[in-house]
Protein backbone atom coordinates (compact mmCIF):
# COMPACT_ATOMS: atom_id res chain seq x y z
CA MET A 1 15.42 25.51 -37.03
CA PRO A 2 15.32 29.31 -36.71
CA SER A 3 18.62 31.07 -36.22
CA LEU A 4 17.18 33.55 -33.67
CA VAL A 5 14.13 33.83 -31.43
CA PRO A 6 11.61 36.55 -32.44
CA LYS A 7 10.81 39.20 -29.82
CA THR A 8 7.06 39.16 -30.59
CA VAL A 9 4.68 36.71 -32.23
CA ALA A 10 1.74 38.01 -34.22
CA ILE A 11 -1.55 36.23 -33.39
CA PRO A 12 -4.57 37.15 -35.53
CA SER A 13 -7.50 38.19 -33.32
CA ASP A 14 -10.09 36.41 -35.50
CA ALA A 15 -8.32 33.01 -35.31
CA ALA A 16 -10.37 30.30 -33.56
CA PRO A 17 -8.66 27.54 -31.56
CA PRO A 18 -8.36 24.20 -33.35
CA GLU A 19 -11.28 21.80 -32.87
CA GLU A 20 -9.16 19.20 -31.02
CA ALA A 21 -8.28 21.82 -28.37
CA LEU A 22 -11.93 21.83 -27.32
CA MET A 23 -12.38 18.05 -27.26
CA GLY A 24 -10.53 17.16 -24.05
CA MET A 25 -7.46 15.00 -23.65
CA THR A 26 -7.24 11.64 -25.41
CA GLY A 27 -7.11 8.89 -22.78
CA GLY A 28 -8.20 11.23 -19.99
CA VAL A 29 -6.20 12.89 -17.26
CA PRO A 30 -4.95 11.49 -13.96
CA GLY A 31 -7.65 11.97 -11.33
CA GLY A 32 -10.31 12.71 -13.97
CA ILE A 33 -13.87 11.40 -13.94
CA VAL A 34 -14.55 8.06 -15.64
CA ALA A 35 -16.67 8.70 -18.75
CA GLY A 36 -16.38 12.46 -18.14
CA GLN A 37 -17.40 15.03 -20.72
CA PRO A 38 -14.83 16.40 -23.19
CA GLY A 39 -14.22 20.03 -22.34
CA GLY A 40 -15.55 19.39 -18.82
CA VAL A 41 -15.20 21.87 -15.98
CA LEU A 42 -12.34 21.62 -13.46
CA GLY A 43 -13.63 20.58 -10.07
CA GLY A 44 -16.79 19.06 -11.56
CA MET A 45 -19.00 22.08 -10.91
CA MET A 46 -20.87 24.17 -13.44
CA ASN A 47 -23.38 26.84 -12.41
CA GLY A 48 -23.48 25.40 -8.87
CA ILE A 49 -24.41 21.87 -10.03
CA VAL A 50 -22.13 19.10 -8.83
CA ALA A 51 -21.26 16.45 -11.41
CA PRO A 52 -22.45 12.95 -10.43
CA ALA A 53 -19.81 10.75 -8.85
CA ALA A 54 -18.33 7.96 -10.92
CA PRO A 55 -19.33 4.45 -9.86
CA SER A 56 -16.75 2.70 -7.70
CA PHE A 57 -15.30 -0.47 -9.12
CA VAL A 58 -14.10 -3.31 -6.92
CA SER A 59 -10.96 -5.08 -8.02
CA GLU A 60 -11.56 -8.73 -8.85
CA GLY A 61 -7.91 -9.71 -8.20
CA PRO A 62 -6.41 -10.81 -4.89
CA ARG A 63 -6.57 -8.23 -2.12
CA GLN A 64 -3.32 -6.47 -1.22
CA PRO A 65 -2.13 -6.56 2.41
CA VAL A 66 -3.01 -3.50 4.47
CA ARG A 67 -0.66 -2.12 7.11
CA VAL A 68 -1.79 -2.42 10.72
CA GLY A 69 -2.41 0.97 12.33
CA GLY A 70 -5.06 3.67 12.40
CA ASN A 71 -8.44 1.94 11.97
CA VAL A 72 -6.86 -1.46 11.23
CA LYS A 73 -6.31 -3.41 14.44
CA PRO A 74 -3.53 -6.01 14.70
CA PRO A 75 -4.74 -9.59 14.31
CA ARG A 76 -5.04 -11.67 17.48
CA LEU A 77 -2.49 -14.48 17.87
CA LEU A 78 -4.26 -17.85 18.15
CA SER A 79 -1.28 -20.20 18.34
CA GLY A 80 2.40 -20.41 17.68
CA PRO A 81 5.54 -21.95 19.11
CA ALA A 82 7.94 -20.04 21.32
CA PRO A 83 11.20 -19.27 19.53
CA ILE A 84 14.00 -21.76 20.15
CA TYR A 85 17.00 -19.92 21.60
CA PRO A 86 20.02 -20.71 19.38
CA ILE A 87 22.70 -22.56 21.36
CA LEU A 88 25.57 -20.34 20.18
CA ALA A 89 23.60 -17.19 21.07
CA LYS A 90 22.77 -18.63 24.50
CA GLN A 91 26.41 -19.58 25.17
CA SER A 92 27.50 -16.09 24.09
CA ARG A 93 24.77 -14.57 26.30
CA ILE A 94 23.35 -12.66 23.33
CA GLN A 95 19.88 -11.31 23.98
CA GLY A 96 17.61 -8.73 22.45
CA ILE A 97 14.60 -8.06 20.28
CA VAL A 98 14.20 -9.22 16.69
CA VAL A 99 11.70 -7.25 14.60
CA ILE A 100 10.02 -9.27 11.85
CA GLU A 101 7.65 -7.96 9.17
CA ALA A 102 5.06 -10.63 8.43
CA ILE A 103 2.27 -10.80 5.87
CA ILE A 104 -0.74 -12.65 7.19
CA ASP A 105 -3.29 -13.88 4.64
CA GLU A 106 -7.07 -13.66 4.90
CA HIS A 107 -7.15 -17.06 6.68
CA GLY A 108 -4.72 -15.99 9.43
CA ASN A 109 -1.70 -17.90 8.08
CA VAL A 110 1.73 -16.28 7.93
CA ILE A 111 2.70 -16.39 4.26
CA GLU A 112 5.80 -14.19 4.21
CA VAL A 113 8.40 -13.08 6.78
CA ARG A 114 11.24 -10.60 6.51
CA ALA A 115 13.72 -9.54 9.20
CA ILE A 116 13.80 -5.80 9.91
CA SER A 117 16.30 -5.70 12.78
CA GLY A 118 17.93 -7.89 15.38
CA HIS A 119 21.12 -9.79 16.12
CA PRO A 120 22.13 -12.07 13.22
CA LEU A 121 22.33 -15.11 15.50
CA LEU A 122 18.75 -14.57 16.71
CA VAL A 123 17.06 -13.70 13.40
CA PRO A 124 16.65 -17.25 11.94
CA ALA A 125 15.03 -18.59 15.14
CA ALA A 126 12.66 -15.61 15.30
CA MET A 127 11.69 -15.97 11.63
CA LYS A 128 11.00 -19.69 12.05
CA ALA A 129 8.82 -19.10 15.12
CA VAL A 130 6.81 -16.30 13.47
CA SER A 131 6.29 -18.31 10.26
CA GLN A 132 4.64 -21.10 12.28
CA ARG A 133 2.11 -18.80 13.97
CA LYS A 134 -1.65 -18.76 13.35
CA TYR A 135 -3.67 -15.56 13.71
CA GLU A 136 -7.35 -14.71 13.79
CA PRO A 137 -8.29 -13.33 10.34
CA THR A 138 -8.45 -9.53 10.12
CA ILE A 139 -11.86 -8.22 9.03
CA LEU A 140 -11.94 -4.98 7.05
CA ASP A 141 -15.23 -3.67 5.61
CA GLY A 142 -16.89 -6.99 6.42
CA GLN A 143 -14.33 -9.11 4.54
CA ALA A 144 -11.27 -11.02 5.68
CA THR A 145 -8.18 -9.26 4.36
CA PRO A 146 -4.44 -9.89 4.40
CA VAL A 147 -2.38 -7.64 6.69
CA ASN A 148 1.20 -6.48 6.95
CA LEU A 149 2.23 -6.82 10.61
CA ARG A 150 5.42 -6.02 12.53
CA VAL A 151 6.17 -8.64 15.16
CA GLU A 152 8.73 -8.30 17.96
CA VAL A 153 10.34 -11.49 19.26
CA THR A 154 12.28 -11.09 22.52
CA PHE A 155 15.18 -13.30 23.56
CA HIS A 156 16.36 -13.25 27.22
CA ALA A 157 19.56 -14.99 28.30
CA ASN A 158 18.95 -16.84 31.60
């Protein structure tokens, strides 16, 4: 370890860069082109010629749920029971909205539910009702796909 840092570093003008400096990065770079050329050009252009696009690969594993919104429409509810108002909540005249996040598979079945907000006495009844629902499958790019959907269940004290 040097005891002090030199003020200048002498670099010979006739020194060539090492060969590995010209060969690209081992393993590639994030966002790089699959099977790209070592020493390629940033942006993929050289003398006005655009590099060919890499082929797109489709994942063979299970599809991940997409969030409803934008170009993804919410699935249409086909059937499902009304939530059963908990007796203690009804006697206490507790009412309100319970927000549930549900994952609906490619067949329209609710496979996972998670409470986002709502009164603790109302949450279990809302989760049970949502988990028993059946939806029309969501079609994305011509294929049924699982979706992540927020469901609001409303409880009114009568």
